[in-house]
C-alpha atoms as a PDB file:
ATOM      1  CA  MET A   1      -3.070 -11.220 -17.099  1.00  0.00           C
ATOM      2  CA  LYS A   2      -4.664 -13.837 -14.899  1.00  0.00           C
ATOM      3  CA  PRO A   3      -7.848 -12.948 -12.978  1.00  0.00           C
ATOM      4  CA  PHE A   4      -7.066 -11.165  -9.738  1.00  0.00           C
ATOM      5  CA  LYS A   5      -8.389 -12.229  -6.366  1.00  0.00           C
ATOM      6  CA  THR A   6     -11.161 -10.106  -4.917  1.00  0.00           C
ATOM      7  CA  ILE A   7     -11.152 -11.643  -1.431  1.00  0.00           C
ATOM      8  CA  PHE A   8      -8.204 -13.081   0.433  1.00  0.00           C
ATOM      9  CA  SER A   9      -6.426 -13.316   3.775  1.00  0.00           C
ATOM     10  CA  ARG A  10      -2.733 -13.805   4.424  1.00  0.00           C
ATOM     11  CA  TYR A  11       0.191 -13.072   6.688  1.00  0.00           C
ATOM     12  CA  GLU A  12       2.268 -10.037   5.751  1.00  0.00           C
ATOM     13  CA  LYS A  13       5.660  -9.118   7.178  1.00  0.00           C
ATOM     14  CA  LYS A  14       7.682  -5.987   6.409  1.00  0.00           C
ATOM     15  CA  TYR A  15      11.450  -5.528   6.484  1.00  0.00           C
ATOM     16  CA  VAL A  16      13.592  -2.443   5.880  1.00  0.00           C
ATOM     17  CA  LEU A  17      16.709  -3.294   3.860  1.00  0.00           C
ATOM     18  CA  THR A  18      19.816  -1.420   2.865  1.00  0.00           C
ATOM     19  CA  GLY A  19      20.883  -1.682  -0.760  1.00  0.00           C
ATOM     20  CA  ARG A  20      23.609  -4.139   0.246  1.00  0.00           C
ATOM     21  CA  GLN A  21      21.158  -6.364   2.137  1.00  0.00           C
ATOM     22  CA  TYR A  22      18.876  -6.419  -0.896  1.00  0.00           C
ATOM     23  CA  VAL A  23      21.695  -7.634  -3.141  1.00  0.00           C
ATOM     24  CA  GLN A  24      22.784 -10.268  -0.620  1.00  0.00           C
ATOM     25  CA  LEU A  25      19.258 -11.529  -0.108  1.00  0.00           C
ATOM     26  CA  MET A  26      18.542 -11.836  -3.818  1.00  0.00           C
ATOM     27  CA  GLN A  27      21.757 -13.807  -4.220  1.00  0.00           C
ATOM     28  CA  CYS A  28      20.344 -16.246  -1.656  1.00  0.00           C
ATOM     29  CA  ILE A  29      16.715 -16.500  -2.768  1.00  0.00           C
ATOM     30  CA  GLY A  30      16.548 -15.172  -6.339  1.00  0.00           C
ATOM     31  CA  SER A  31      16.603 -18.647  -7.881  1.00  0.00           C
ATOM     32  CA  ARG A  32      13.494 -19.548  -5.860  1.00  0.00           C
ATOM     33  CA  LEU A  33      11.462 -16.625  -7.220  1.00  0.00           C
ATOM     34  CA  GLN A  34       9.924 -15.608 -10.520  1.00  0.00           C
ATOM     35  CA  ASP A  35       8.534 -12.303 -11.733  1.00  0.00           C
ATOM     36  CA  ASP A  36       5.043 -11.411 -10.596  1.00  0.00           C
ATOM     37  CA  GLU A  37       2.627 -10.439 -13.383  1.00  0.00           C
ATOM     38  CA  TYR A  38       3.335  -6.741 -12.716  1.00  0.00           C
ATOM     39  CA  GLY A  39       7.120  -7.200 -12.473  1.00  0.00           C
ATOM     40  CA  LYS A  40       8.622  -3.720 -12.216  1.00  0.00           C
ATOM     41  CA  SER A  41       6.092  -0.915 -11.878  1.00  0.00           C
ATOM     42  CA  THR A  42       5.314   2.354 -10.176  1.00  0.00           C
ATOM     43  CA  VAL A  43       2.546   1.699  -7.669  1.00  0.00           C
ATOM     44  CA  CYS A  44       0.246   4.719  -7.322  1.00  0.00           C
ATOM     45  CA  ASN A  45      -2.237   4.993  -4.460  1.00  0.00           C
ATOM     46  CA  ILE A  46      -4.798   7.348  -2.999  1.00  0.00           C
ATOM     47  CA  TYR A  47      -5.575   6.836   0.683  1.00  0.00           C
ATOM     48  CA  PHE A  48      -8.961   7.920   2.003  1.00  0.00           C
ATOM     49  CA  ASP A  49      -9.580   9.159   5.515  1.00  0.00           C
ATOM     50  CA  THR A  50     -11.732  11.424   7.663  1.00  0.00           C
ATOM     51  CA  PRO A  51     -10.983  15.182   7.816  1.00  0.00           C
ATOM     52  CA  ASP A  52      -9.089  14.601  11.095  1.00  0.00           C
ATOM     53  CA  TYR A  53      -7.257  11.491   9.814  1.00  0.00           C
ATOM     54  CA  ARG A  54      -9.096   9.141  12.142  1.00  0.00           C
ATOM     55  CA  LEU A  55      -8.137   5.928  10.322  1.00  0.00           C
ATOM     56  CA  ILE A  56      -4.397   6.500  10.179  1.00  0.00           C
ATOM     57  CA  ARG A  57      -4.254   7.902  13.725  1.00  0.00           C
ATOM     58  CA  ALA A  58      -5.910   4.710  14.967  1.00  0.00           C
ATOM     59  CA  SER A  59      -3.572   2.565  12.868  1.00  0.00           C
ATOM     60  CA  ILE A  60      -0.449   4.205  14.294  1.00  0.00           C
ATOM     61  CA  GLU A  61      -1.574   3.186  17.794  1.00  0.00           C
ATOM     62  CA  LYS A  62      -1.229  -0.486  16.737  1.00  0.00           C
ATOM     63  CA  PRO A  63      -4.685  -1.719  17.737  1.00  0.00           C
ATOM     64  CA  VAL A  64      -5.805  -5.337  17.479  1.00  0.00           C
ATOM     65  CA  PHE A  65      -8.020  -4.354  14.529  1.00  0.00           C
ATOM     66  CA  LYS A  66      -7.447  -1.643  11.948  1.00  0.00           C
ATOM     67  CA  GLU A  67      -8.576  -0.866   8.430  1.00  0.00           C
ATOM     68  CA  LYS A  68      -7.744   1.366   5.484  1.00  0.00           C
ATOM     69  CA  LEU A  69      -9.479   2.336   2.267  1.00  0.00           C
ATOM     70  CA  ARG A  70      -7.370   3.002  -0.793  1.00  0.00           C
ATOM     71  CA  MET A  71      -7.398   3.146  -4.569  1.00  0.00           C
ATOM     72  CA  ARG A  72      -4.439   1.676  -6.454  1.00  0.00           C
ATOM     73  CA  VAL A  73      -3.206   1.711 -10.036  1.00  0.00           C
ATOM     74  CA  TYR A  74      -0.014   0.404 -11.556  1.00  0.00           C
ATOM     75  CA  ASN A  75       1.911   3.190 -13.291  1.00  0.00           C
ATOM     76  CA  ILE A  76       0.562   6.684 -13.955  1.00  0.00           C
ATOM     77  CA  PRO A  77      -3.046   6.185 -15.106  1.00  0.00           C
ATOM     78  CA  CYS A  78      -5.266   7.559 -17.818  1.00  0.00           C
ATOM     79  CA  ALA A  79      -9.078   7.518 -17.642  1.00  0.00           C
ATOM     80  CA  ASP A  80      -9.309   3.926 -18.922  1.00  0.00           C
ATOM     81  CA  SER A  81      -6.551   2.449 -16.757  1.00  0.00           C
ATOM     82  CA  THR A  82      -7.542  -0.318 -14.358  1.00  0.00           C
ATOM     83  CA  ALA A  83      -7.929   0.854 -10.779  1.00  0.00           C
ATOM     84  CA  PHE A  84      -8.261  -1.393  -7.739  1.00  0.00           C
ATOM     85  CA  VAL A  85     -10.398  -0.130  -4.865  1.00  0.00           C
ATOM     86  CA  GLU A  86      -9.877  -2.063  -1.678  1.00  0.00           C
ATOM     87  CA  ILE A  87     -10.563  -2.247   2.015  1.00  0.00           C
ATOM     88  CA  LYS A  88      -7.498  -3.545   3.821  1.00  0.00           C
ATOM     89  CA  ARG A  89      -8.098  -4.825   7.331  1.00  0.00           C
ATOM     90  CA  LYS A  90      -5.650  -6.315   9.799  1.00  0.00           C
ATOM     91  CA  TYR A  91      -6.700  -8.396  12.784  1.00  0.00           C
ATOM     92  CA  LYS A  92      -4.277 -10.220  15.077  1.00  0.00           C
ATOM     93  CA  GLY A  93      -1.526 -10.196  12.477  1.00  0.00           C
ATOM     94  CA  ILE A  94      -3.605 -11.452   9.551  1.00  0.00           C
ATOM     95  CA  VAL A  95      -4.408  -9.124   6.654  1.00  0.00           C
ATOM     96  CA  TYR A  96      -7.817  -9.367   5.000  1.00  0.00           C
ATOM     97  CA  LYS A  97      -8.600  -7.633   1.720  1.00  0.00           C
ATOM     98  CA  ARG A  98     -11.823  -7.008  -0.166  1.00  0.00           C
ATOM     99  CA  ARG A  99     -11.243  -5.350  -3.516  1.00  0.00           C
ATOM    100  CA  VAL A 100     -12.841  -4.593  -6.834  1.00  0.00           C
ATOM    101  CA  SER A 101     -11.488  -3.323 -10.166  1.00  0.00           C
ATOM    102  CA  MET A 102     -12.887  -0.664 -12.484  1.00  0.00           C
ATOM    103  CA  ARG A 103     -11.834   2.149 -14.795  1.00  0.00           C
ATOM    104  CA  TYR A 104      -9.742   4.800 -13.068  1.00  0.00           C
ATOM    105  CA  ALA A 105     -12.192   7.513 -14.148  1.00  0.00           C
ATOM    106  CA  ASP A 106     -15.089   5.584 -12.599  1.00  0.00           C
ATOM    107  CA  ALA A 107     -13.202   5.038  -9.344  1.00  0.00           C
ATOM    108  CA  VAL A 108     -12.425   8.765  -9.113  1.00  0.00           C
ATOM    109  CA  ALA A 109     -16.055   9.702  -9.830  1.00  0.00           C
ATOM    110  CA  TRP A 110     -17.207   7.352  -7.065  1.00  0.00           C
ATOM    111  CA  LEU A 111     -14.664   7.895  -4.309  1.00  0.00           C
ATOM    112  CA  CYS A 112     -13.529  11.466  -4.965  1.00  0.00           C
ATOM    113  CA  ARG A 113     -16.652  13.098  -6.378  1.00  0.00           C
ATOM    114  CA  GLY A 114     -19.381  11.305  -4.468  1.00  0.00           C
ATOM    115  CA  GLN A 115     -21.139   9.573  -7.359  1.00  0.00           C
ATOM    116  CA  GLN A 116     -22.754   6.180  -6.912  1.00  0.00           C
ATOM    117  CA  PRO A 117     -20.603   3.037  -7.309  1.00  0.00           C
ATOM    118  CA  PRO A 118     -20.232   2.133 -11.005  1.00  0.00           C
ATOM    119  CA  PHE A 119     -21.907  -1.241 -10.467  1.00  0.00           C
ATOM    120  CA  ASP A 120     -23.938  -2.983  -7.804  1.00  0.00           C
ATOM    121  CA  ALA A 121     -22.232  -5.972  -6.175  1.00  0.00           C
ATOM    122  CA  GLN A 122     -21.290  -7.221  -2.741  1.00  0.00           C
ATOM    123  CA  ILE A 123     -17.793  -5.742  -2.461  1.00  0.00           C
ATOM    124  CA  PRO A 124     -18.676  -2.238  -3.744  1.00  0.00           C
ATOM    125  CA  GLN A 125     -21.509  -2.234  -1.224  1.00  0.00           C
ATOM    126  CA  GLU A 126     -19.051  -3.109   1.552  1.00  0.00           C
ATOM    127  CA  ILE A 127     -16.696  -0.349   0.425  1.00  0.00           C
ATOM    128  CA  GLU A 128     -19.574   2.121   0.324  1.00  0.00           C
ATOM    129  CA  TYR A 129     -20.556   1.104   3.852  1.00  0.00           C
ATOM    130  CA  CYS A 130     -16.961   1.637   5.020  1.00  0.00           C
ATOM    131  CA  ARG A 131     -16.978   5.111   3.478  1.00  0.00           C
ATOM    132  CA  THR A 132     -20.215   6.144   5.157  1.00  0.00           C
ATOM    133  CA  CYS A 133     -19.741   4.567   8.581  1.00  0.00           C
ATOM    134  CA  TYR A 134     -16.881   7.013   9.220  1.00  0.00           C
ATOM    135  CA  GLY A 135     -18.797   9.917   7.746  1.00  0.00           C
ATOM    136  CA  THR A 136     -17.727  10.351   4.150  1.00  0.00           C
ATOM    137  CA  LEU A 137     -14.088   9.417   3.659  1.00  0.00           C
ATOM    138  CA  GLN A 138     -12.101  11.865   1.557  1.00  0.00           C
ATOM    139  CA  PRO A 139      -8.926  11.518  -0.535  1.00  0.00           C
ATOM    140  CA  LYS A 140      -6.126  12.653   1.784  1.00  0.00           C
ATOM    141  CA  VAL A 141      -2.749  11.456   0.473  1.00  0.00           C
ATOM    142  CA  SER A 142      -1.296  10.199  -2.800  1.00  0.00           C
ATOM    143  CA  LEU A 143       1.512   7.664  -2.335  1.00  0.00           C
ATOM    144  CA  PHE A 144       3.909   6.425  -5.010  1.00  0.00           C
ATOM    145  CA  TYR A 145       6.740   3.898  -4.995  1.00  0.00           C
ATOM    146  CA  ASP A 146       8.800   1.875  -7.436  1.00  0.00           C
ATOM    147  CA  ARG A 147       8.148  -1.827  -6.935  1.00  0.00           C
ATOM    148  CA  ILE A 148       9.802  -5.055  -8.011  1.00  0.00           C
ATOM    149  CA  ALA A 149       7.436  -7.977  -7.362  1.00  0.00           C
ATOM    150  CA  PHE A 150       8.089 -11.714  -7.294  1.00  0.00           C
ATOM    151  CA  ILE A 151       6.151 -14.867  -6.536  1.00  0.00           C
ATOM    152  CA  GLY A 152       7.512 -18.235  -5.451  1.00  0.00           C
ATOM    153  CA  LYS A 153       8.336 -20.752  -8.156  1.00  0.00           C
ATOM    154  CA  GLU A 154       7.045 -23.593  -6.001  1.00  0.00           C
ATOM    155  CA  ASP A 155       4.215 -21.677  -4.334  1.00  0.00           C
ATOM    156  CA  GLU A 156       2.511 -18.837  -6.226  1.00  0.00           C
ATOM    157  CA  ASN A 157       0.795 -17.770  -3.007  1.00  0.00           C
ATOM    158  CA  LEU A 158       4.190 -16.626  -1.719  1.00  0.00           C
ATOM    159  CA  ARG A 159       4.736 -13.027  -2.828  1.00  0.00           C
ATOM    160  CA  VAL A 160       7.845 -10.937  -2.183  1.00  0.00           C
ATOM    161  CA  THR A 161       7.916  -7.250  -3.104  1.00  0.00           C
ATOM    162  CA  PHE A 162      10.609  -4.593  -2.863  1.00  0.00           C
ATOM    163  CA  ASP A 163       9.555  -0.935  -2.711  1.00  0.00           C
ATOM    164  CA  SER A 164      11.934   1.994  -3.149  1.00  0.00           C
ATOM    165  CA  ASN A 165      11.771   5.723  -3.873  1.00  0.00           C
ATOM    166  CA  ILE A 166       8.682   5.962  -1.642  1.00  0.00           C
ATOM    167  CA  ARG A 167       7.100   9.395  -1.913  1.00  0.00           C
ATOM    168  CA  TYR A 168       3.857  11.209  -1.212  1.00  0.00           C
ATOM    169  CA  ARG A 169       1.958  14.449  -1.659  1.00  0.00           C
ATOM    170  CA  ASP A 170      -1.133  15.828   0.054  1.00  0.00           C
ATOM    171  CA  THR A 171      -2.212  18.192  -2.734  1.00  0.00           C
ATOM    172  CA  ARG A 172      -3.081  17.506  -6.388  1.00  0.00           C
ATOM    173  CA  LEU A 173      -4.170  14.000  -5.396  1.00  0.00           C
ATOM    174  CA  ASP A 174      -5.313  12.936  -8.872  1.00  0.00           C
ATOM    175  CA  LEU A 175      -2.892  10.142  -9.843  1.00  0.00           C
ATOM    176  CA  SER A 176      -3.181  10.989 -13.537  1.00  0.00           C
ATOM    177  CA  LEU A 177      -1.273  14.227 -12.811  1.00  0.00           C
ATOM    178  CA  GLY A 178       1.929  12.237 -12.400  1.00  0.00           C
ATOM    179  CA  ASP A 179       4.222  11.806  -9.411  1.00  0.00           C
ATOM    180  CA  GLY A 180       5.856  15.232  -9.351  1.00  0.00           C
ATOM    181  CA  GLY A 181       5.906  17.481  -6.310  1.00  0.00           C
ATOM    182  CA  CYS A 182       6.386  14.583  -3.909  1.00  0.00           C
ATOM    183  CA  THR A 183       8.314  14.218  -0.652  1.00  0.00           C
ATOM    184  CA  ARG A 184      10.488  11.122  -0.347  1.00  0.00           C
ATOM    185  CA  ILE A 185      10.205   9.159   2.914  1.00  0.00           C
ATOM    186  CA  ASP A 186      12.354   6.014   2.641  1.00  0.00           C
ATOM    187  CA  ASP A 187      15.816   7.461   3.448  1.00  0.00           C
ATOM    188  CA  GLY A 188      17.251   5.472   0.562  1.00  0.00           C
ATOM    189  CA  ASN A 189      16.238   2.132   2.055  1.00  0.00           C
ATOM    190  CA  ILE A 190      14.171  -0.622   0.427  1.00  0.00           C
ATOM    191  CA  VAL A 191      10.982  -1.873   2.043  1.00  0.00           C
ATOM    192  CA  MET A 192      10.445  -5.601   1.522  1.00  0.00           C
ATOM    193  CA  GLU A 193       7.074  -7.215   2.117  1.00  0.00           C
ATOM    194  CA  ILE A 194       6.641 -10.981   2.326  1.00  0.00           C
ATOM    195  CA  LYS A 195       3.078 -12.208   1.911  1.00  0.00           C
ATOM    196  CA  CYS A 196       1.957 -15.799   2.303  1.00  0.00           C
ATOM    197  CA  GLU A 197      -1.031 -17.847   3.377  1.00  0.00           C
ATOM    198  CA  HIS A 198       0.909 -20.029   5.821  1.00  0.00           C
ATOM    199  CA  ALA A 199       4.387 -20.187   7.377  1.00  0.00           C
ATOM    200  CA  PHE A 200       7.422 -19.000   5.433  1.00  0.00           C
ATOM    201  CA  PRO A 201       9.239 -21.782   3.554  1.00  0.00           C
ATOM    202  CA  LEU A 202      12.380 -22.993   5.310  1.00  0.00           C
ATOM    203  CA  TRP A 203      14.751 -21.667   2.625  1.00  0.00           C
ATOM    204  CA  LEU A 204      13.358 -18.159   3.054  1.00  0.00           C
ATOM    205  CA  SER A 205      13.510 -18.217   6.855  1.00  0.00           C
ATOM    206  CA  GLU A 206      17.112 -19.475   6.711  1.00  0.00           C
ATOM    207  CA  ALA A 207      18.127 -16.726   4.289  1.00  0.00           C
ATOM    208  CA  LEU A 208      16.606 -13.993   6.456  1.00  0.00           C
ATOM    209  CA  SER A 209      18.264 -15.399   9.578  1.00  0.00           C
ATOM    210  CA  SER A 210      21.689 -15.777   7.958  1.00  0.00           C
ATOM    211  CA  LEU A 211      21.651 -12.108   6.896  1.00  0.00           C
ATOM    212  CA  SER A 212      20.219 -10.864  10.213  1.00  0.00           C
ATOM    213  CA  ILE A 213      17.155  -9.412   8.483  1.00  0.00           C
ATOM    214  CA  PHE A 214      14.319  -8.979  10.957  1.00  0.00           C
ATOM    215  CA  PRO A 215      10.717  -7.726  10.722  1.00  0.00           C
ATOM    216  CA  ALA A 216      10.230  -3.978  11.079  1.00  0.00           C
ATOM    217  CA  THR A 217       7.372  -1.522  11.391  1.00  0.00           C
ATOM    218  CA  PHE A 218       7.011   0.668   8.315  1.00  0.00           C
ATOM    219  CA  SER A 219       3.668   2.212   7.385  1.00  0.00           C
ATOM    220  CA  LYS A 220       3.989   4.314   4.237  1.00  0.00           C
ATOM    221  CA  TYR A 221       0.787   6.215   4.900  1.00  0.00           C
ATOM    222  CA  GLY A 222       1.622   6.449   8.608  1.00  0.00           C
ATOM    223  CA  ILE A 223       5.026   8.041   7.976  1.00  0.00           C
ATOM    224  CA  ALA A 224       3.518  10.431   5.436  1.00  0.00           C
ATOM    225  CA  TYR A 225       0.883  11.477   7.987  1.00  0.00           C
ATOM    226  CA  GLN A 226       3.497  12.018  10.704  1.00  0.00           C
ATOM    227  CA  GLN A 227       5.630  14.138   8.377  1.00  0.00           C
ATOM    228  CA  MET A 228       2.627  16.214   7.331  1.00  0.00           C
ATOM    229  CA  THR A 229       1.708  16.757  10.980  1.00  0.00           C
ATOM    230  CA  GLU A 230       5.252  17.856  11.839  1.00  0.00           C
ATOM    231  CA  GLN A 231       5.346  20.237   8.885  1.00  0.00           C
ATOM    232  CA  LYS A 232       2.027  21.820   9.867  1.00  0.00           C
ATOM    233  CA  ALA A 233       3.221  22.218  13.470  1.00  0.00           C
ATOM    234  CA  ALA A 234       6.466  23.853  12.324  1.00  0.00           C
ATOM    235  CA  LYS A 235       4.559  26.205  10.038  1.00  0.00           C
ATOM    236  CA  ALA A 236       2.171  27.156  12.832  1.00  0.00           C
ATOM    237  CA  ALA A 237       5.090  27.846  15.177  1.00  0.00           C
ATOM    238  CA  LEU A 238       6.662  30.175  12.616  1.00  0.00           C
ATOM    239  CA  GLU A 239       3.408  32.048  12.177  1.00  0.00           C
ATOM    240  CA  ILE A 240       3.081  32.551  15.944  1.00  0.00           C
ATOM    241  CA  ALA A 241       6.696  33.709  16.169  1.00  0.00           C
END
């Protein structure tokens, strides 16, 4: 596995595809892509937020600037699995990430149990500052999805991912417990993300246009939060009744 980037900025666009659109698009662009180093995997995340979900509530309002803190692993982890802890910020359409890797057990001890960061460096210090400037951020939602990831054959900075079977839970947030007990939120569709440092290559833009595939808003954590809010409201209404 090649060394991963710890700091980067790029444009990211999301699209919601039907199964048929996915097949048609891959027929058009598949020869231009090659497998990413992770290929097919189950992406497992924990999102951190304030007790009143301040970060995701702000994000849903589509501000000029927003940020999230999350922990990510690829496939169901054990204690020694590699975890990525990252701050993801978006400003005027550009996504900026600052991330660091460590053992999953160390990341859990730090972010979920309040221990000190496992090592002292610039990015962990920035993450720690992010945690404390909002109070102390807590694990709020576990999100899982099955991903197929590609990079461009001519430009490895072009990354195209397809996420399906998107699901979440707001209890038993430890990712090592597996992905059972989750609620699915993608309605059978496939969420495509295109990530690049500059403009899309012409062949990709032409393929998207020819198939009438247009950018869409789809926040996995945002939809999970909205569903949780609706469920709590419905439960409260039943209790009052």
